[in-house]
Every structure is written in structure tokens, then in C-alpha cells.
Amino acid sequence: MIWTKYFDNNGAVVEVTHGLGDWWIVGRRNPRSGGYHRVKTPSMPPRKTAEECQQDLDEYARRKQWIAVPTCADRHAHDDPKIKV
């Protein structure tokens, strides 16, 4: 499955990522450490599946009118954490 990433109101990319243990979260990448910081809102709690997190993110982004990060047929560049989207 190709996950949809979104630009938040500050231009940061928000996406579903693996959290601690068996949990999945919605987060923003920290530019200094390269790790993720969870978007803390009751609308997007940690979940046991990435699909549940993506559903939460899609709904939240729709309500906030966030713009989806453009995707292309060749996702390799977008999936490389060294490349800033």
C-alpha cells in the first residue's frame, strides 16, 4: 500500500510511521535527529495497524485542509529519507 503523506500548516510532512514496539503513529520527521515526533491529538492515537493510523490521518488532514504530498509512479525518491520532499 502507498501511504498518503500530507503537508501540515507549517509545511512539515506528516505521515504514518512505525512507533515503539508494535505500535504505529502519525508523526513529523525531526530534521536534527532524523527520528519522528508523534502528532499528539486525540484524533490520531497510536494504533496497532498502519492502516488505522492512515485512516485517522486522512480524516484529520481533510478536516484541517492539509495538502497531500505529491506522489509519482516511481516512489523510490519519495521513500528515501535522505531526500527532502
PDB file of N, CA and C in Angstrom:
ATOM      1  N   MET A   1       0.841  -1.188   0.000  1.00  0.00           N
ATOM      2  CA  MET A   1       0.000   0.000   0.000  1.00  0.00           C
ATOM      3  C   MET A   1       0.881   1.245   0.000  1.00  0.00           C
ATOM      4  N   ILE A   2       0.497   2.233  -0.765  1.00  0.00           N
ATOM      5  CA  ILE A   2       1.200   3.513  -0.785  1.00  0.00           C
ATOM      6  C   ILE A   2       0.495   4.438   0.203  1.00  0.00           C
ATOM      7  N   TRP A   3       1.207   4.868   1.216  1.00  0.00           N
ATOM      8  CA  TRP A   3       0.641   5.738   2.238  1.00  0.00           C
ATOM      9  C   TRP A   3       0.614   7.167   1.745  1.00  0.00           C
ATOM     10  N   THR A   4      -0.426   7.904   2.100  1.00  0.00           N
ATOM     11  CA  THR A   4      -0.526   9.310   1.735  1.00  0.00           C
ATOM     12  C   THR A   4       0.109  10.143   2.838  1.00  0.00           C
ATOM     13  N   LYS A   5       1.023  11.016   2.438  1.00  0.00           N
ATOM     14  CA  LYS A   5       1.660  11.954   3.353  1.00  0.00           C
ATOM     15  C   LYS A   5       1.030  13.316   3.112  1.00  0.00           C
ATOM     16  N   TYR A   6       1.057  14.174   4.118  1.00  0.00           N
ATOM     17  CA  TYR A   6       0.446  15.492   3.996  1.00  0.00           C
ATOM     18  C   TYR A   6       1.396  16.578   4.479  1.00  0.00           C
ATOM     19  N   PHE A   7       1.255  17.779   3.885  1.00  0.00           N
ATOM     20  CA  PHE A   7       1.931  18.962   4.397  1.00  0.00           C
ATOM     21  C   PHE A   7       1.024  19.577   5.448  1.00  0.00           C
ATOM     22  N   ASP A   8       1.566  19.830   6.655  1.00  0.00           N
ATOM     23  CA  ASP A   8       0.754  20.492   7.671  1.00  0.00           C
ATOM     24  C   ASP A   8       0.757  21.998   7.411  1.00  0.00           C
ATOM     25  N   ASN A   9       0.163  22.764   8.303  1.00  0.00           N
ATOM     26  CA  ASN A   9       0.060  24.217   8.112  1.00  0.00           C
ATOM     27  C   ASN A   9       1.410  24.928   8.124  1.00  0.00           C
ATOM     28  N   ASN A  10       2.443  24.269   8.649  1.00  0.00           N
ATOM     29  CA  ASN A  10       3.786  24.855   8.673  1.00  0.00           C
ATOM     30  C   ASN A  10       4.682  24.323   7.558  1.00  0.00           C
ATOM     31  N   GLY A  11       4.137  23.475   6.698  1.00  0.00           N
ATOM     32  CA  GLY A  11       4.906  22.925   5.587  1.00  0.00           C
ATOM     33  C   GLY A  11       5.663  21.656   5.922  1.00  0.00           C
ATOM     34  N   ALA A  12       5.535  21.155   7.159  1.00  0.00           N
ATOM     35  CA  ALA A  12       6.189  19.902   7.533  1.00  0.00           C
ATOM     36  C   ALA A  12       5.393  18.720   6.961  1.00  0.00           C
ATOM     37  N   VAL A  13       6.098  17.650   6.633  1.00  0.00           N
ATOM     38  CA  VAL A  13       5.443  16.452   6.117  1.00  0.00           C
ATOM     39  C   VAL A  13       4.998  15.593   7.295  1.00  0.00           C
ATOM     40  N   VAL A  14       3.716  15.231   7.294  1.00  0.00           N
ATOM     41  CA  VAL A  14       3.123  14.396   8.338  1.00  0.00           C
ATOM     42  C   VAL A  14       2.787  13.060   7.689  1.00  0.00           C
ATOM     43  N   GLU A  15       3.183  11.963   8.349  1.00  0.00           N
ATOM     44  CA  GLU A  15       2.987  10.647   7.746  1.00  0.00           C
ATOM     45  C   GLU A  15       2.846   9.564   8.805  1.00  0.00           C
ATOM     46  N   VAL A  16       2.395   8.397   8.377  1.00  0.00           N
ATOM     47  CA  VAL A  16       2.304   7.219   9.233  1.00  0.00           C
ATOM     48  C   VAL A  16       3.690   6.589   9.302  1.00  0.00           C
ATOM     49  N   THR A  17       4.099   6.234  10.513  1.00  0.00           N
ATOM     50  CA  THR A  17       5.396   5.597  10.696  1.00  0.00           C
ATOM     51  C   THR A  17       5.324   4.614  11.853  1.00  0.00           C
ATOM     52  N   HIS A  18       6.278   3.727  11.894  1.00  0.00           N
ATOM     53  CA  HIS A  18       6.318   2.745  12.981  1.00  0.00           C
ATOM     54  C   HIS A  18       6.762   3.433  14.259  1.00  0.00           C
ATOM     55  N   GLY A  19       6.042   3.196  15.342  1.00  0.00           N
ATOM     56  CA  GLY A  19       6.379   3.777  16.639  1.00  0.00           C
ATOM     57  C   GLY A  19       7.175   2.784  17.474  1.00  0.00           C
ATOM     58  N   LEU A  20       7.018   2.865  18.777  1.00  0.00           N
ATOM     59  CA  LEU A  20       7.711   1.954  19.687  1.00  0.00           C
ATOM     60  C   LEU A  20       6.986   0.619  19.773  1.00  0.00           C
ATOM     61  N   GLY A  21       7.761  -0.443  19.856  1.00  0.00           N
ATOM     62  CA  GLY A  21       7.171  -1.776  19.973  1.00  0.00           C
ATOM     63  C   GLY A  21       6.328  -2.115  18.764  1.00  0.00           C
ATOM     64  N   ASP A  22       5.116  -2.547  19.032  1.00  0.00           N
ATOM     65  CA  ASP A  22       4.199  -2.955  17.957  1.00  0.00           C
ATOM     66  C   ASP A  22       3.258  -1.845  17.538  1.00  0.00           C
ATOM     67  N   TRP A  23       3.518  -0.634  17.944  1.00  0.00           N
ATOM     68  CA  TRP A  23       2.595   0.476  17.693  1.00  0.00           C
ATOM     69  C   TRP A  23       2.970   1.263  16.452  1.00  0.00           C
ATOM     70  N   TRP A  24       1.952   1.839  15.806  1.00  0.00           N
ATOM     71  CA  TRP A  24       2.111   2.739  14.670  1.00  0.00           C
ATOM     72  C   TRP A  24       1.642   4.121  15.108  1.00  0.00           C
ATOM     73  N   ILE A  25       2.261   5.159  14.564  1.00  0.00           N
ATOM     74  CA  ILE A  25       1.915   6.529  14.932  1.00  0.00           C
ATOM     75  C   ILE A  25       1.838   7.407  13.692  1.00  0.00           C
ATOM     76  N   VAL A  26       1.279   8.591  13.870  1.00  0.00           N
ATOM     77  CA  VAL A  26       1.335   9.641  12.851  1.00  0.00           C
ATOM     78  C   VAL A  26       2.327  10.655  13.386  1.00  0.00           C
ATOM     79  N   GLY A  27       3.330  10.995  12.569  1.00  0.00           N
ATOM     80  CA  GLY A  27       4.368  11.887  13.071  1.00  0.00           C
ATOM     81  C   GLY A  27       5.010  12.751  12.014  1.00  0.00           C
ATOM     82  N   ARG A  28       5.873  13.643  12.515  1.00  0.00           N
ATOM     83  CA  ARG A  28       6.699  14.515  11.686  1.00  0.00           C
ATOM     84  C   ARG A  28       8.150  14.135  11.916  1.00  0.00           C
ATOM     85  N   ARG A  29       8.954  14.157  10.867  1.00  0.00           N
ATOM     86  CA  ARG A  29      10.379  13.831  10.999  1.00  0.00           C
ATOM     87  C   ARG A  29      11.109  15.001  11.651  1.00  0.00           C
ATOM     88  N   ASN A  30      11.959  14.689  12.632  1.00  0.00           N
ATOM     89  CA  ASN A  30      12.806  15.693  13.263  1.00  0.00           C
ATOM     90  C   ASN A  30      14.021  15.909  12.373  1.00  0.00           C
ATOM     91  N   PRO A  31      14.248  17.134  11.869  1.00  0.00           N
ATOM     92  CA  PRO A  31      15.361  17.351  10.945  1.00  0.00           C
ATOM     93  C   PRO A  31      16.734  17.131  11.588  1.00  0.00           C
ATOM     94  N   ARG A  32      16.839  17.297  12.886  1.00  0.00           N
ATOM     95  CA  ARG A  32      18.136  17.113  13.566  1.00  0.00           C
ATOM     96  C   ARG A  32      18.473  15.647  13.780  1.00  0.00           C
ATOM     97  N   SER A  33      17.514  14.894  14.315  1.00  0.00           N
ATOM     98  CA  SER A  33      17.798  13.505  14.674  1.00  0.00           C
ATOM     99  C   SER A  33      17.404  12.516  13.581  1.00  0.00           C
ATOM    100  N   GLY A  34      16.495  12.923  12.694  1.00  0.00           N
ATOM    101  CA  GLY A  34      16.000  12.010  11.669  1.00  0.00           C
ATOM    102  C   GLY A  34      14.885  11.111  12.175  1.00  0.00           C
ATOM    103  N   GLY A  35      14.618  11.159  13.490  1.00  0.00           N
ATOM    104  CA  GLY A  35      13.533  10.374  14.068  1.00  0.00           C
ATOM    105  C   GLY A  35      12.204  11.077  13.883  1.00  0.00           C
ATOM    106  N   TYR A  36      11.167  10.469  14.401  1.00  0.00           N
ATOM    107  CA  TYR A  36       9.826  11.042  14.265  1.00  0.00           C
ATOM    108  C   TYR A  36       9.300  11.517  15.613  1.00  0.00           C
ATOM    109  N   HIS A  37       8.527  12.589  15.570  1.00  0.00           N
ATOM    110  CA  HIS A  37       7.795  13.071  16.724  1.00  0.00           C
ATOM    111  C   HIS A  37       6.315  12.862  16.431  1.00  0.00           C
ATOM    112  N   ARG A  38       5.634  12.214  17.349  1.00  0.00           N
ATOM    113  CA  ARG A  38       4.223  11.918  17.145  1.00  0.00           C
ATOM    114  C   ARG A  38       3.400  13.199  17.154  1.00  0.00           C
ATOM    115  N   VAL A  39       2.413  13.263  16.271  1.00  0.00           N
ATOM    116  CA  VAL A  39       1.431  14.346  16.288  1.00  0.00           C
ATOM    117  C   VAL A  39       0.454  13.971  17.389  1.00  0.00           C
ATOM    118  N   LYS A  40       0.485  14.705  18.487  1.00  0.00           N
ATOM    119  CA  LYS A  40      -0.308  14.352  19.662  1.00  0.00           C
ATOM    120  C   LYS A  40      -1.655  15.060  19.627  1.00  0.00           C
ATOM    121  N   THR A  41      -2.662  14.305  19.282  1.00  0.00           N
ATOM    122  CA  THR A  41      -4.041  14.771  19.267  1.00  0.00           C
ATOM    123  C   THR A  41      -4.938  13.565  19.520  1.00  0.00           C
ATOM    124  N   PRO A  42      -6.045  13.754  20.226  1.00  0.00           N
ATOM    125  CA  PRO A  42      -6.957  12.627  20.448  1.00  0.00           C
ATOM    126  C   PRO A  42      -7.473  12.013  19.142  1.00  0.00           C
ATOM    127  N   SER A  43      -7.418  12.766  18.054  1.00  0.00           N
ATOM    128  CA  SER A  43      -7.901  12.278  16.758  1.00  0.00           C
ATOM    129  C   SER A  43      -6.956  11.265  16.118  1.00  0.00           C
ATOM    130  N   MET A  44      -5.689  11.229  16.574  1.00  0.00           N
ATOM    131  CA  MET A  44      -4.713  10.317  15.972  1.00  0.00           C
ATOM    132  C   MET A  44      -3.890   9.621  17.050  1.00  0.00           C
ATOM    133  N   PRO A  45      -4.523   8.703  17.795  1.00  0.00           N
ATOM    134  CA  PRO A  45      -3.787   7.972  18.826  1.00  0.00           C
ATOM    135  C   PRO A  45      -2.879   6.910  18.205  1.00  0.00           C
ATOM    136  N   PRO A  46      -1.893   6.416  18.959  1.00  0.00           N
ATOM    137  CA  PRO A  46      -1.122   5.264  18.470  1.00  0.00           C
ATOM    138  C   PRO A  46      -2.072   4.096  18.207  1.00  0.00           C
ATOM    139  N   ARG A  47      -1.783   3.353  17.160  1.00  0.00           N
ATOM    140  CA  ARG A  47      -2.654   2.233  16.770  1.00  0.00           C
ATOM    141  C   ARG A  47      -1.827   0.969  16.569  1.00  0.00           C
ATOM    142  N   LYS A  48      -2.510  -0.156  16.526  1.00  0.00           N
ATOM    143  CA  LYS A  48      -1.847  -1.448  16.302  1.00  0.00           C
ATOM    144  C   LYS A  48      -1.577  -1.721  14.820  1.00  0.00           C
ATOM    145  N   THR A  49      -2.255  -0.986  13.911  1.00  0.00           N
ATOM    146  CA  THR A  49      -2.003  -1.200  12.485  1.00  0.00           C
ATOM    147  C   THR A  49      -1.752   0.141  11.792  1.00  0.00           C
ATOM    148  N   ALA A  50      -0.945   0.084  10.761  1.00  0.00           N
ATOM    149  CA  ALA A  50      -0.662   1.275   9.967  1.00  0.00           C
ATOM    150  C   ALA A  50      -1.921   1.741   9.236  1.00  0.00           C
ATOM    151  N   GLU A  51      -2.768   0.806   8.835  1.00  0.00           N
ATOM    152  CA  GLU A  51      -3.993   1.155   8.122  1.00  0.00           C
ATOM    153  C   GLU A  51      -4.907   2.032   8.980  1.00  0.00           C
ATOM    154  N   GLU A  52      -5.017   1.694  10.269  1.00  0.00           N
ATOM    155  CA  GLU A  52      -5.836   2.507  11.172  1.00  0.00           C
ATOM    156  C   GLU A  52      -5.260   3.917  11.306  1.00  0.00           C
ATOM    157  N   CYS A  53      -3.938   4.001  11.427  1.00  0.00           N
ATOM    158  CA  CYS A  53      -3.289   5.318  11.522  1.00  0.00           C
ATOM    159  C   CYS A  53      -3.528   6.129  10.255  1.00  0.00           C
ATOM    160  N   GLN A  54      -3.451   5.471   9.094  1.00  0.00           N
ATOM    161  CA  GLN A  54      -3.658   6.193   7.840  1.00  0.00           C
ATOM    162  C   GLN A  54      -5.087   6.711   7.750  1.00  0.00           C
ATOM    163  N   GLN A  55      -6.049   5.934   8.190  1.00  0.00           N
ATOM    164  CA  GLN A  55      -7.442   6.392   8.188  1.00  0.00           C
ATOM    165  C   GLN A  55      -7.600   7.622   9.091  1.00  0.00           C
ATOM    166  N   ASP A  56      -6.975   7.567  10.275  1.00  0.00           N
ATOM    167  CA  ASP A  56      -7.024   8.714  11.189  1.00  0.00           C
ATOM    168  C   ASP A  56      -6.396   9.944  10.543  1.00  0.00           C
ATOM    169  N   LEU A  57      -5.226   9.746   9.926  1.00  0.00           N
ATOM    170  CA  LEU A  57      -4.521  10.858   9.290  1.00  0.00           C
ATOM    171  C   LEU A  57      -5.332  11.434   8.135  1.00  0.00           C
ATOM    172  N   ASP A  58      -5.897  10.578   7.290  1.00  0.00           N
ATOM    173  CA  ASP A  58      -6.694  11.058   6.157  1.00  0.00           C
ATOM    174  C   ASP A  58      -7.867  11.928   6.629  1.00  0.00           C
ATOM    175  N   GLU A  59      -8.554  11.475   7.663  1.00  0.00           N
ATOM    176  CA  GLU A  59      -9.693  12.227   8.192  1.00  0.00           C
ATOM    177  C   GLU A  59      -9.236  13.548   8.812  1.00  0.00           C
ATOM    178  N   TYR A  60      -8.176  13.505   9.580  1.00  0.00           N
ATOM    179  CA  TYR A  60      -7.651  14.712  10.229  1.00  0.00           C
ATOM    180  C   TYR A  60      -7.188  15.725   9.180  1.00  0.00           C
ATOM    181  N   ALA A  61      -6.468  15.243   8.169  1.00  0.00           N
ATOM    182  CA  ALA A  61      -5.972  16.120   7.100  1.00  0.00           C
ATOM    183  C   ALA A  61      -7.138  16.746   6.328  1.00  0.00           C
ATOM    184  N   ARG A  62      -8.194  15.969   6.110  1.00  0.00           N
ATOM    185  CA  ARG A  62      -9.372  16.512   5.418  1.00  0.00           C
ATOM    186  C   ARG A  62      -9.981  17.655   6.225  1.00  0.00           C
ATOM    187  N   ARG A  63     -10.131  17.447   7.543  1.00  0.00           N
ATOM    188  CA  ARG A  63     -10.713  18.492   8.396  1.00  0.00           C
ATOM    189  C   ARG A  63      -9.827  19.739   8.466  1.00  0.00           C
ATOM    190  N   LYS A  64      -8.504  19.535   8.468  1.00  0.00           N
ATOM    191  CA  LYS A  64      -7.567  20.652   8.559  1.00  0.00           C
ATOM    192  C   LYS A  64      -7.239  21.259   7.194  1.00  0.00           C
ATOM    193  N   GLN A  65      -7.742  20.641   6.127  1.00  0.00           N
ATOM    194  CA  GLN A  65      -7.496  21.069   4.745  1.00  0.00           C
ATOM    195  C   GLN A  65      -6.008  21.045   4.394  1.00  0.00           C
ATOM    196  N   TRP A  66      -5.317  20.005   4.875  1.00  0.00           N
ATOM    197  CA  TRP A  66      -3.918  19.824   4.534  1.00  0.00           C
ATOM    198  C   TRP A  66      -3.811  19.308   3.101  1.00  0.00           C
ATOM    199  N   ILE A  67      -2.725  19.623   2.452  1.00  0.00           N
ATOM    200  CA  ILE A  67      -2.481  19.215   1.073  1.00  0.00           C
ATOM    201  C   ILE A  67      -1.647  17.938   1.065  1.00  0.00           C
ATOM    202  N   ALA A  68      -2.052  16.980   0.248  1.00  0.00           N
ATOM    203  CA  ALA A  68      -1.305  15.725   0.129  1.00  0.00           C
ATOM    204  C   ALA A  68       0.032  15.985  -0.562  1.00  0.00           C
ATOM    205  N   VAL A  69       1.065  15.303  -0.102  1.00  0.00           N
ATOM    206  CA  VAL A  69       2.370  15.372  -0.751  1.00  0.00           C
ATOM    207  C   VAL A  69       2.235  14.668  -2.097  1.00  0.00           C
ATOM    208  N   PRO A  70       2.651  15.321  -3.181  1.00  0.00           N
ATOM    209  CA  PRO A  70       2.516  14.677  -4.497  1.00  0.00           C
ATOM    210  C   PRO A  70       3.274  13.350  -4.560  1.00  0.00           C
ATOM    211  N   THR A  71       2.682  12.390  -5.249  1.00  0.00           N
ATOM    212  CA  THR A  71       3.324  11.095  -5.459  1.00  0.00           C
ATOM    213  C   THR A  71       3.494  10.876  -6.951  1.00  0.00           C
ATOM    214  N   CYS A  72       4.325   9.945  -7.286  1.00  0.00           N
ATOM    215  CA  CYS A  72       4.530   9.612  -8.694  1.00  0.00           C
ATOM    216  C   CYS A  72       4.573   8.093  -8.819  1.00  0.00           C
ATOM    217  N   ALA A  73       4.611   7.602 -10.031  1.00  0.00           N
ATOM    218  CA  ALA A  73       4.624   6.163 -10.262  1.00  0.00           C
ATOM    219  C   ALA A  73       5.887   5.533  -9.678  1.00  0.00           C
ATOM    220  N   ASP A  74       7.008   6.244  -9.703  1.00  0.00           N
ATOM    221  CA  ASP A  74       8.262   5.749  -9.145  1.00  0.00           C
ATOM    222  C   ASP A  74       8.449   6.377  -7.772  1.00  0.00           C
ATOM    223  N   ARG A  75       8.045   5.673  -6.725  1.00  0.00           N
ATOM    224  CA  ARG A  75       8.039   6.220  -5.367  1.00  0.00           C
ATOM    225  C   ARG A  75       9.410   6.190  -4.695  1.00  0.00           C
ATOM    226  N   HIS A  76      10.437   5.654  -5.315  1.00  0.00           N
ATOM    227  CA  HIS A  76      11.718   5.484  -4.632  1.00  0.00           C
ATOM    228  C   HIS A  76      12.279   6.799  -4.089  1.00  0.00           C
ATOM    229  N   ALA A  77      12.218   7.861  -4.849  1.00  0.00           N
ATOM    230  CA  ALA A  77      12.748   9.142  -4.388  1.00  0.00           C
ATOM    231  C   ALA A  77      11.965   9.641  -3.181  1.00  0.00           C
ATOM    232  N   HIS A  78      10.653   9.426  -3.177  1.00  0.00           N
ATOM    233  CA  HIS A  78       9.827   9.892  -2.069  1.00  0.00           C
ATOM    234  C   HIS A  78      10.026   9.056  -0.809  1.00  0.00           C
ATOM    235  N   ASP A  79      10.448   7.801  -0.984  1.00  0.00           N
ATOM    236  CA  ASP A  79      10.623   6.917   0.150  1.00  0.00           C
ATOM    237  C   ASP A  79      12.017   7.004   0.762  1.00  0.00           C
ATOM    238  N   ASP A  80      12.933   7.701   0.099  1.00  0.00           N
ATOM    239  CA  ASP A  80      14.304   7.814   0.595  1.00  0.00           C
ATOM    240  C   ASP A  80      14.361   8.939   1.632  1.00  0.00           C
ATOM    241  N   PRO A  81      14.635   8.623   2.918  1.00  0.00           N
ATOM    242  CA  PRO A  81      14.627   9.662   3.951  1.00  0.00           C
ATOM    243  C   PRO A  81      15.707  10.723   3.777  1.00  0.00           C
ATOM    244  N   LYS A  82      16.704  10.459   2.937  1.00  0.00           N
ATOM    245  CA  LYS A  82      17.762  11.449   2.715  1.00  0.00           C
ATOM    246  C   LYS A  82      17.301  12.557   1.752  1.00  0.00           C
ATOM    247  N   ILE A  83      16.225  12.289   1.011  1.00  0.00           N
ATOM    248  CA  ILE A  83      15.722  13.253   0.040  1.00  0.00           C
ATOM    249  C   ILE A  83      14.564  14.011   0.683  1.00  0.00           C
ATOM    250  N   LYS A  84      14.682  15.327   0.742  1.00  0.00           N
ATOM    251  CA  LYS A  84      13.628  16.149   1.320  1.00  0.00           C
ATOM    252  C   LYS A  84      12.555  16.378   0.286  1.00  0.00           C
ATOM    253  N   VAL A  85      11.312  16.063   0.647  1.00  0.00           N
ATOM    254  CA  VAL A  85      10.184  16.237  -0.274  1.00  0.00           C
ATOM    255  C   VAL A  85       9.615  17.617  -0.070  1.00  0.00           C
TER     256      VAL A  85
END
